[in-house]
Amino acid sequence: MPQFHIVNESTEDTLESTDNLRDAIRVAKEIARQGQAGDPVSILESGGQAVRQFVLMADGTIAEQAIARLLKPSGGEAVLNGTEKVAAPDPARI
């Protein structure tokens, strides 16, 4: 059973499946290169968790994008990728 699935996020189509991450990255970049600029191509683990995401940029390069994940720290409300709410710095102290 394949470990990784390559998905076009715009169409939600699973385009390919591979047994290892190295092959999945290679295939995802090839698929992104053949797609439309701005359409993300994700690599999902067999459990459905996104592990990598690539997109074709307007200049023809392939860029890896950060994957946003909703995290719930042990004592508080859910945050995005572990970011925390912090107070703005005091302008008088800068």
PDB file of N, CA and C in Angstrom:
ATOM      1  N   MET A   1       0.852  -1.183   0.000  1.00  0.00           N
ATOM      2  CA  MET A   1       0.000   0.000   0.000  1.00  0.00           C
ATOM      3  C   MET A   1       0.894   1.241   0.000  1.00  0.00           C
ATOM      4  N   PRO A   2       0.642   2.198  -0.907  1.00  0.00           N
ATOM      5  CA  PRO A   2       1.479   3.400  -0.983  1.00  0.00           C
ATOM      6  C   PRO A   2       1.424   4.223   0.304  1.00  0.00           C
ATOM      7  N   GLN A   3       2.562   4.810   0.638  1.00  0.00           N
ATOM      8  CA  GLN A   3       2.679   5.632   1.839  1.00  0.00           C
ATOM      9  C   GLN A   3       2.272   7.087   1.602  1.00  0.00           C
ATOM     10  N   PHE A   4       2.465   7.583   0.361  1.00  0.00           N
ATOM     11  CA  PHE A   4       2.248   8.999   0.060  1.00  0.00           C
ATOM     12  C   PHE A   4       1.374   9.143  -1.181  1.00  0.00           C
ATOM     13  N   HIS A   5       0.521  10.166  -1.151  1.00  0.00           N
ATOM     14  CA  HIS A   5      -0.395  10.436  -2.253  1.00  0.00           C
ATOM     15  C   HIS A   5      -0.199  11.883  -2.688  1.00  0.00           C
ATOM     16  N   ILE A   6      -0.090  12.109  -3.994  1.00  0.00           N
ATOM     17  CA  ILE A   6       0.103  13.445  -4.534  1.00  0.00           C
ATOM     18  C   ILE A   6      -1.246  13.942  -5.022  1.00  0.00           C
ATOM     19  N   VAL A   7      -1.662  15.103  -4.483  1.00  0.00           N
ATOM     20  CA  VAL A   7      -3.005  15.629  -4.718  1.00  0.00           C
ATOM     21  C   VAL A   7      -2.930  17.044  -5.277  1.00  0.00           C
ATOM     22  N   ASN A   8      -3.677  17.305  -6.351  1.00  0.00           N
ATOM     23  CA  ASN A   8      -3.860  18.664  -6.842  1.00  0.00           C
ATOM     24  C   ASN A   8      -4.924  19.294  -5.953  1.00  0.00           C
ATOM     25  N   GLU A   9      -4.538  20.287  -5.170  1.00  0.00           N
ATOM     26  CA  GLU A   9      -5.470  20.884  -4.203  1.00  0.00           C
ATOM     27  C   GLU A   9      -6.582  21.675  -4.878  1.00  0.00           C
ATOM     28  N   SER A  10      -6.369  22.162  -6.092  1.00  0.00           N
ATOM     29  CA  SER A  10      -7.410  22.926  -6.778  1.00  0.00           C
ATOM     30  C   SER A  10      -8.546  22.031  -7.247  1.00  0.00           C
ATOM     31  N   THR A  11      -8.195  20.842  -7.726  1.00  0.00           N
ATOM     32  CA  THR A  11      -9.224  19.929  -8.231  1.00  0.00           C
ATOM     33  C   THR A  11      -9.553  18.818  -7.239  1.00  0.00           C
ATOM     34  N   GLU A  12      -8.714  18.686  -6.201  1.00  0.00           N
ATOM     35  CA  GLU A  12      -8.830  17.630  -5.183  1.00  0.00           C
ATOM     36  C   GLU A  12      -8.668  16.237  -5.777  1.00  0.00           C
ATOM     37  N   ASP A  13      -7.983  16.152  -6.915  1.00  0.00           N
ATOM     38  CA  ASP A  13      -7.713  14.861  -7.548  1.00  0.00           C
ATOM     39  C   ASP A  13      -6.417  14.268  -7.004  1.00  0.00           C
ATOM     40  N   THR A  14      -6.441  12.972  -6.686  1.00  0.00           N
ATOM     41  CA  THR A  14      -5.220  12.250  -6.356  1.00  0.00           C
ATOM     42  C   THR A  14      -4.611  11.821  -7.674  1.00  0.00           C
ATOM     43  N   LEU A  15      -3.405  12.318  -7.959  1.00  0.00           N
ATOM     44  CA  LEU A  15      -2.799  12.117  -9.266  1.00  0.00           C
ATOM     45  C   LEU A  15      -1.800  10.969  -9.304  1.00  0.00           C
ATOM     46  N   GLU A  16      -1.211  10.648  -8.166  1.00  0.00           N
ATOM     47  CA  GLU A  16      -0.168   9.622  -8.122  1.00  0.00           C
ATOM     48  C   GLU A  16      -0.004   9.181  -6.676  1.00  0.00           C
ATOM     49  N   SER A  17       0.532   7.994  -6.490  1.00  0.00           N
ATOM     50  CA  SER A  17       0.856   7.481  -5.161  1.00  0.00           C
ATOM     51  C   SER A  17       2.242   6.863  -5.225  1.00  0.00           C
ATOM     52  N   THR A  18       3.006   7.006  -4.142  1.00  0.00           N
ATOM     53  CA  THR A  18       4.361   6.458  -4.095  1.00  0.00           C
ATOM     54  C   THR A  18       4.605   5.796  -2.742  1.00  0.00           C
ATOM     55  N   ASP A  19       5.699   5.035  -2.687  1.00  0.00           N
ATOM     56  CA  ASP A  19       6.055   4.336  -1.459  1.00  0.00           C
ATOM     57  C   ASP A  19       7.042   5.094  -0.590  1.00  0.00           C
ATOM     58  N   ASN A  20       7.682   6.146  -1.136  1.00  0.00           N
ATOM     59  CA  ASN A  20       8.639   6.887  -0.312  1.00  0.00           C
ATOM     60  C   ASN A  20       8.555   8.379  -0.595  1.00  0.00           C
ATOM     61  N   LEU A  21       9.015   9.157   0.362  1.00  0.00           N
ATOM     62  CA  LEU A  21       8.891  10.613   0.282  1.00  0.00           C
ATOM     63  C   LEU A  21       9.739  11.191  -0.843  1.00  0.00           C
ATOM     64  N   ARG A  22      10.918  10.662  -1.078  1.00  0.00           N
ATOM     65  CA  ARG A  22      11.790  11.183  -2.149  1.00  0.00           C
ATOM     66  C   ARG A  22      11.079  11.117  -3.506  1.00  0.00           C
ATOM     67  N   ASP A  23      10.473   9.979  -3.817  1.00  0.00           N
ATOM     68  CA  ASP A  23       9.731   9.854  -5.081  1.00  0.00           C
ATOM     69  C   ASP A  23       8.510  10.765  -5.093  1.00  0.00           C
ATOM     70  N   ALA A  24       7.845  10.880  -3.954  1.00  0.00           N
ATOM     71  CA  ALA A  24       6.659  11.745  -3.865  1.00  0.00           C
ATOM     72  C   ALA A  24       7.021  13.198  -4.146  1.00  0.00           C
ATOM     73  N   ILE A  25       8.159  13.655  -3.623  1.00  0.00           N
ATOM     74  CA  ILE A  25       8.600  15.036  -3.869  1.00  0.00           C
ATOM     75  C   ILE A  25       8.895  15.238  -5.351  1.00  0.00           C
ATOM     76  N   ARG A  26       9.607  14.305  -5.955  1.00  0.00           N
ATOM     77  CA  ARG A  26       9.940  14.402  -7.376  1.00  0.00           C
ATOM     78  C   ARG A  26       8.669  14.471  -8.227  1.00  0.00           C
ATOM     79  N   VAL A  27       7.713  13.584  -7.960  1.00  0.00           N
ATOM     80  CA  VAL A  27       6.464  13.538  -8.725  1.00  0.00           C
ATOM     81  C   VAL A  27       5.634  14.804  -8.487  1.00  0.00           C
ATOM     82  N   ALA A  28       5.557  15.258  -7.247  1.00  0.00           N
ATOM     83  CA  ALA A  28       4.773  16.467  -6.944  1.00  0.00           C
ATOM     84  C   ALA A  28       5.330  17.683  -7.671  1.00  0.00           C
ATOM     85  N   LYS A  29       6.655  17.804  -7.732  1.00  0.00           N
ATOM     86  CA  LYS A  29       7.260  18.930  -8.454  1.00  0.00           C
ATOM     87  C   LYS A  29       6.970  18.841  -9.948  1.00  0.00           C
ATOM     88  N   GLU A  30       7.025  17.640 -10.510  1.00  0.00           N
ATOM     89  CA  GLU A  30       6.706  17.458 -11.930  1.00  0.00           C
ATOM     90  C   GLU A  30       5.255  17.839 -12.215  1.00  0.00           C
ATOM     91  N   ILE A  31       4.360  17.407 -11.350  1.00  0.00           N
ATOM     92  CA  ILE A  31       2.938  17.720 -11.524  1.00  0.00           C
ATOM     93  C   ILE A  31       2.696  19.217 -11.389  1.00  0.00           C
ATOM     94  N   ALA A  32       3.335  19.848 -10.396  1.00  0.00           N
ATOM     95  CA  ALA A  32       3.183  21.297 -10.214  1.00  0.00           C
ATOM     96  C   ALA A  32       3.680  22.039 -11.455  1.00  0.00           C
ATOM     97  N   ARG A  33       4.804  21.589 -12.021  1.00  0.00           N
ATOM     98  CA  ARG A  33       5.386  22.221 -13.204  1.00  0.00           C
ATOM     99  C   ARG A  33       4.437  22.152 -14.401  1.00  0.00           C
ATOM    100  N   GLN A  34       3.630  21.117 -14.482  1.00  0.00           N
ATOM    101  CA  GLN A  34       2.701  20.947 -15.600  1.00  0.00           C
ATOM    102  C   GLN A  34       1.363  21.648 -15.379  1.00  0.00           C
ATOM    103  N   GLY A  35       1.127  22.136 -14.167  1.00  0.00           N
ATOM    104  CA  GLY A  35      -0.160  22.742 -13.837  1.00  0.00           C
ATOM    105  C   GLY A  35      -0.206  24.234 -14.091  1.00  0.00           C
ATOM    106  N   GLN A  36      -1.219  24.855 -13.526  1.00  0.00           N
ATOM    107  CA  GLN A  36      -1.410  26.297 -13.621  1.00  0.00           C
ATOM    108  C   GLN A  36      -0.643  26.993 -12.506  1.00  0.00           C
ATOM    109  N   ALA A  37      -0.108  28.167 -12.793  1.00  0.00           N
ATOM    110  CA  ALA A  37       0.579  28.943 -11.760  1.00  0.00           C
ATOM    111  C   ALA A  37      -0.378  29.201 -10.599  1.00  0.00           C
ATOM    112  N   GLY A  38       0.099  28.949  -9.396  1.00  0.00           N
ATOM    113  CA  GLY A  38      -0.699  29.193  -8.203  1.00  0.00           C
ATOM    114  C   GLY A  38      -1.478  27.990  -7.696  1.00  0.00           C
ATOM    115  N   ASP A  39      -1.584  26.928  -8.488  1.00  0.00           N
ATOM    116  CA  ASP A  39      -2.314  25.734  -8.048  1.00  0.00           C
ATOM    117  C   ASP A  39      -1.412  24.880  -7.152  1.00  0.00           C
ATOM    118  N   PRO A  40      -1.762  24.712  -5.891  1.00  0.00           N
ATOM    119  CA  PRO A  40      -0.932  23.911  -4.996  1.00  0.00           C
ATOM    120  C   PRO A  40      -1.058  22.412  -5.254  1.00  0.00           C
ATOM    121  N   VAL A  41       0.063  21.723  -5.143  1.00  0.00           N
ATOM    122  CA  VAL A  41       0.123  20.265  -5.242  1.00  0.00           C
ATOM    123  C   VAL A  41       0.685  19.774  -3.912  1.00  0.00           C
ATOM    124  N   SER A  42      -0.077  18.944  -3.222  1.00  0.00           N
ATOM    125  CA  SER A  42       0.309  18.486  -1.892  1.00  0.00           C
ATOM    126  C   SER A  42       0.700  17.023  -1.885  1.00  0.00           C
ATOM    127  N   ILE A  43       1.567  16.689  -0.942  1.00  0.00           N
ATOM    128  CA  ILE A  43       1.897  15.298  -0.666  1.00  0.00           C
ATOM    129  C   ILE A  43       1.231  14.961   0.650  1.00  0.00           C
ATOM    130  N   LEU A  44       0.359  13.961   0.620  1.00  0.00           N
ATOM    131  CA  LEU A  44      -0.348  13.530   1.815  1.00  0.00           C
ATOM    132  C   LEU A  44       0.171  12.169   2.255  1.00  0.00           C
ATOM    133  N   GLU A  45       0.324  11.989   3.562  1.00  0.00           N
ATOM    134  CA  GLU A  45       0.629  10.666   4.082  1.00  0.00           C
ATOM    135  C   GLU A  45      -0.613   9.811   3.929  1.00  0.00           C
ATOM    136  N   SER A  46      -0.463   8.508   4.064  1.00  0.00           N
ATOM    137  CA  SER A  46      -1.610   7.616   3.882  1.00  0.00           C
ATOM    138  C   SER A  46      -2.741   7.933   4.857  1.00  0.00           C
ATOM    139  N   GLY A  47      -2.455   8.550   5.991  1.00  0.00           N
ATOM    140  CA  GLY A  47      -3.490   8.935   6.949  1.00  0.00           C
ATOM    141  C   GLY A  47      -4.195  10.233   6.597  1.00  0.00           C
ATOM    142  N   GLY A  48      -3.743  10.918   5.536  1.00  0.00           N
ATOM    143  CA  GLY A  48      -4.399  12.149   5.106  1.00  0.00           C
ATOM    144  C   GLY A  48      -3.717  13.431   5.529  1.00  0.00           C
ATOM    145  N   GLN A  49      -2.663  13.353   6.329  1.00  0.00           N
ATOM    146  CA  GLN A  49      -1.936  14.535   6.808  1.00  0.00           C
ATOM    147  C   GLN A  49      -1.020  15.061   5.699  1.00  0.00           C
ATOM    148  N   ALA A  50      -1.136  16.344   5.368  1.00  0.00           N
ATOM    149  CA  ALA A  50      -0.253  16.949   4.368  1.00  0.00           C
ATOM    150  C   ALA A  50       1.148  17.084   4.959  1.00  0.00           C
ATOM    151  N   VAL A  51       2.161  16.670   4.184  1.00  0.00           N
ATOM    152  CA  VAL A  51       3.533  16.758   4.672  1.00  0.00           C
ATOM    153  C   VAL A  51       4.371  17.743   3.867  1.00  0.00           C
ATOM    154  N   ARG A  52       4.055  17.959   2.606  1.00  0.00           N
ATOM    155  CA  ARG A  52       4.764  18.927   1.764  1.00  0.00           C
ATOM    156  C   ARG A  52       3.768  19.496   0.766  1.00  0.00           C
ATOM    157  N   GLN A  53       4.062  20.731   0.284  1.00  0.00           N
ATOM    158  CA  GLN A  53       3.187  21.349  -0.712  1.00  0.00           C
ATOM    159  C   GLN A  53       4.042  22.195  -1.654  1.00  0.00           C
ATOM    160  N   PHE A  54       3.784  22.050  -2.948  1.00  0.00           N
ATOM    161  CA  PHE A  54       4.537  22.774  -3.973  1.00  0.00           C
ATOM    162  C   PHE A  54       3.571  23.540  -4.862  1.00  0.00           C
ATOM    163  N   VAL A  55       4.073  24.646  -5.429  1.00  0.00           N
ATOM    164  CA  VAL A  55       3.249  25.464  -6.317  1.00  0.00           C
ATOM    165  C   VAL A  55       4.122  26.022  -7.434  1.00  0.00           C
ATOM    166  N   LEU A  56       3.547  26.104  -8.635  1.00  0.00           N
ATOM    167  CA  LEU A  56       4.215  26.731  -9.771  1.00  0.00           C
ATOM    168  C   LEU A  56       4.041  28.233  -9.641  1.00  0.00           C
ATOM    169  N   MET A  57       5.148  28.947  -9.630  1.00  0.00           N
ATOM    170  CA  MET A  57       5.110  30.400  -9.519  1.00  0.00           C
ATOM    171  C   MET A  57       4.938  31.006 -10.921  1.00  0.00           C
ATOM    172  N   ALA A  58       4.570  32.269 -10.976  1.00  0.00           N
ATOM    173  CA  ALA A  58       4.343  32.956 -12.250  1.00  0.00           C
ATOM    174  C   ALA A  58       5.605  33.002 -13.107  1.00  0.00           C
ATOM    175  N   ASP A  59       6.783  32.986 -12.481  1.00  0.00           N
ATOM    176  CA  ASP A  59       8.041  33.030 -13.236  1.00  0.00           C
ATOM    177  C   ASP A  59       8.509  31.650 -13.704  1.00  0.00           C
ATOM    178  N   GLY A  60       7.702  30.605 -13.454  1.00  0.00           N
ATOM    179  CA  GLY A  60       8.019  29.265 -13.910  1.00  0.00           C
ATOM    180  C   GLY A  60       8.781  28.407 -12.921  1.00  0.00           C
ATOM    181  N   THR A  61       9.148  28.963 -11.773  1.00  0.00           N
ATOM    182  CA  THR A  61       9.852  28.180 -10.757  1.00  0.00           C
ATOM    183  C   THR A  61       8.854  27.434  -9.882  1.00  0.00           C
ATOM    184  N   ILE A  62       9.331  26.378  -9.247  1.00  0.00           N
ATOM    185  CA  ILE A  62       8.513  25.617  -8.314  1.00  0.00           C
ATOM    186  C   ILE A  62       8.945  26.007  -6.907  1.00  0.00           C
ATOM    187  N   ALA A  63       7.992  26.398  -6.080  1.00  0.00           N
ATOM    188  CA  ALA A  63       8.291  26.798  -4.705  1.00  0.00           C
ATOM    189  C   ALA A  63       7.564  25.875  -3.742  1.00  0.00           C
ATOM    190  N   GLU A  64       8.242  25.571  -2.633  1.00  0.00           N
ATOM    191  CA  GLU A  64       7.581  24.814  -1.580  1.00  0.00           C
ATOM    192  C   GLU A  64       6.895  25.800  -0.658  1.00  0.00           C
ATOM    193  N   GLN A  65       5.651  25.521  -0.315  1.00  0.00           N
ATOM    194  CA  GLN A  65       4.888  26.398   0.561  1.00  0.00           C
ATOM    195  C   GLN A  65       4.768  25.784   1.940  1.00  0.00           C
ATOM    196  N   ALA A  66       4.686  26.646   2.930  1.00  0.00           N
ATOM    197  CA  ALA A  66       4.450  26.180   4.297  1.00  0.00           C
ATOM    198  C   ALA A  66       3.040  25.623   4.390  1.00  0.00           C
ATOM    199  N   ILE A  67       2.887  24.601   5.203  1.00  0.00           N
ATOM    200  CA  ILE A  67       1.575  23.992   5.411  1.00  0.00           C
ATOM    201  C   ILE A  67       1.038  24.477   6.747  1.00  0.00           C
ATOM    202  N   ALA A  68      -0.112  25.121   6.706  1.00  0.00           N
ATOM    203  CA  ALA A  68      -0.728  25.616   7.940  1.00  0.00           C
ATOM    204  C   ALA A  68      -1.412  24.461   8.654  1.00  0.00           C
ATOM    205  N   ARG A  69      -1.168  24.373   9.939  1.00  0.00           N
ATOM    206  CA  ARG A  69      -1.805  23.338  10.761  1.00  0.00           C
ATOM    207  C   ARG A  69      -2.392  24.000  11.998  1.00  0.00           C
ATOM    208  N   LEU A  70      -3.543  23.555  12.369  1.00  0.00           N
ATOM    209  CA  LEU A  70      -4.183  24.038  13.577  1.00  0.00           C
ATOM    210  C   LEU A  70      -3.678  23.214  14.754  1.00  0.00           C
ATOM    211  N   LEU A  71      -3.033  23.869  15.691  1.00  0.00           N
ATOM    212  CA  LEU A  71      -2.474  23.190  16.857  1.00  0.00           C
ATOM    213  C   LEU A  71      -3.221  23.620  18.101  1.00  0.00           C
ATOM    214  N   LYS A  72      -3.339  22.740  19.061  1.00  0.00           N
ATOM    215  CA  LYS A  72      -3.980  23.087  20.317  1.00  0.00           C
ATOM    216  C   LYS A  72      -2.976  22.851  21.447  1.00  0.00           C
ATOM    217  N   PRO A  73      -2.356  23.931  21.919  1.00  0.00           N
ATOM    218  CA  PRO A  73      -1.400  23.792  23.010  1.00  0.00           C
ATOM    219  C   PRO A  73      -2.085  23.246  24.261  1.00  0.00           C
ATOM    220  N   SER A  74      -1.307  22.769  25.188  1.00  0.00           N
ATOM    221  CA  SER A  74      -1.858  22.076  26.343  1.00  0.00           C
ATOM    222  C   SER A  74      -2.688  22.948  27.263  1.00  0.00           C
ATOM    223  N   GLY A  75      -2.736  24.200  27.191  1.00  0.00           N
ATOM    224  CA  GLY A  75      -3.555  24.919  28.140  1.00  0.00           C
ATOM    225  C   GLY A  75      -4.428  25.973  27.525  1.00  0.00           C
ATOM    226  N   GLY A  76      -4.526  26.002  26.220  1.00  0.00           N
ATOM    227  CA  GLY A  76      -5.261  27.131  25.677  1.00  0.00           C
ATOM    228  C   GLY A  76      -6.044  26.808  24.434  1.00  0.00           C
ATOM    229  N   GLU A  77      -6.396  27.871  23.766  1.00  0.00           N
ATOM    230  CA  GLU A  77      -7.194  27.729  22.565  1.00  0.00           C
ATOM    231  C   GLU A  77      -6.311  27.350  21.382  1.00  0.00           C
ATOM    232  N   ALA A  78      -6.938  26.863  20.323  1.00  0.00           N
ATOM    233  CA  ALA A  78      -6.197  26.436  19.133  1.00  0.00           C
ATOM    234  C   ALA A  78      -5.494  27.627  18.496  1.00  0.00           C
ATOM    235  N   VAL A  79      -4.292  27.378  18.006  1.00  0.00           N
ATOM    236  CA  VAL A  79      -3.509  28.412  17.330  1.00  0.00           C
ATOM    237  C   VAL A  79      -2.996  27.836  16.013  1.00  0.00           C
ATOM    238  N   LEU A  80      -2.594  28.697  15.108  1.00  0.00           N
ATOM    239  CA  LEU A  80      -2.095  28.280  13.810  1.00  0.00           C
ATOM    240  C   LEU A  80      -0.594  28.084  13.873  1.00  0.00           C
ATOM    241  N   ASN A  81      -0.117  26.861  13.614  1.00  0.00           N
ATOM    242  CA  ASN A  81       1.300  26.520  13.599  1.00  0.00           C
ATOM    243  C   ASN A  81       2.034  26.944  14.865  1.00  0.00           C
ATOM    244  N   GLY A  82       1.345  26.953  15.979  1.00  0.00           N
ATOM    245  CA  GLY A  82       2.000  27.242  17.239  1.00  0.00           C
ATOM    246  C   GLY A  82       2.277  28.715  17.483  1.00  0.00           C
ATOM    247  N   THR A  83       1.751  29.600  16.646  1.00  0.00           N
ATOM    248  CA  THR A  83       1.976  31.019  16.883  1.00  0.00           C
ATOM    249  C   THR A  83       1.194  31.453  18.105  1.00  0.00           C
ATOM    250  N   GLU A  84       1.699  32.426  18.797  1.00  0.00           N
ATOM    251  CA  GLU A  84       1.042  32.888  20.007  1.00  0.00           C
ATOM    252  C   GLU A  84       0.656  34.351  19.855  1.00  0.00           C
ATOM    253  N   LYS A  85      -0.393  34.737  20.555  1.00  0.00           N
ATOM    254  CA  LYS A  85      -0.780  36.138  20.597  1.00  0.00           C
ATOM    255  C   LYS A  85       0.154  36.839  21.582  1.00  0.00           C
ATOM    256  N   VAL A  86       0.784  37.902  21.115  1.00  0.00           N
ATOM    257  CA  VAL A  86       1.674  38.667  21.986  1.00  0.00           C
ATOM    258  C   VAL A  86       1.320  40.132  21.865  1.00  0.00           C
ATOM    259  N   ALA A  87       1.616  40.875  22.901  1.00  0.00           N
ATOM    260  CA  ALA A  87       1.334  42.307  22.889  1.00  0.00           C
ATOM    261  C   ALA A  87       2.300  43.001  21.963  1.00  0.00           C
ATOM    262  N   ALA A  88       1.859  44.077  21.359  1.00  0.00           N
ATOM    263  CA  ALA A  88       2.736  44.885  20.503  1.00  0.00           C
ATOM    264  C   ALA A  88       3.788  45.546  21.368  1.00  0.00           C
ATOM    265  N   PRO A  89       5.004  45.753  20.838  1.00  0.00           N
ATOM    266  CA  PRO A  89       6.042  46.383  21.634  1.00  0.00           C
ATOM    267  C   PRO A  89       5.674  47.832  21.965  1.00  0.00           C
ATOM    268  N   ASP A  90       6.141  48.280  23.090  1.00  0.00           N
ATOM    269  CA  ASP A  90       5.910  49.648  23.525  1.00  0.00           C
ATOM    270  C   ASP A  90       6.798  50.560  22.687  1.00  0.00           C
ATOM    271  N   PRO A  91       6.208  51.463  21.857  1.00  0.00           N
ATOM    272  CA  PRO A  91       7.007  52.338  20.985  1.00  0.00           C
ATOM    273  C   PRO A  91       8.018  53.181  21.759  1.00  0.00           C
ATOM    274  N   ALA A  92       7.723  53.508  23.011  1.00  0.00           N
ATOM    275  CA  ALA A  92       8.635  54.328  23.802  1.00  0.00           C
ATOM    276  C   ALA A  92       9.917  53.578  24.146  1.00  0.00           C
ATOM    277  N   ARG A  93       9.874  52.251  24.107  1.00  0.00           N
ATOM    278  CA  ARG A  93      11.045  51.454  24.489  1.00  0.00           C
ATOM    279  C   ARG A  93      11.875  51.025  23.278  1.00  0.00           C
ATOM    280  N   ILE A  94      11.428  51.388  22.083  1.00  0.00           N
ATOM    281  CA  ILE A  94      12.155  50.945  20.882  1.00  0.00           C
ATOM    282  C   ILE A  94      13.245  51.921  20.531  1.00  0.00           C
TER     283      ILE A  94
END
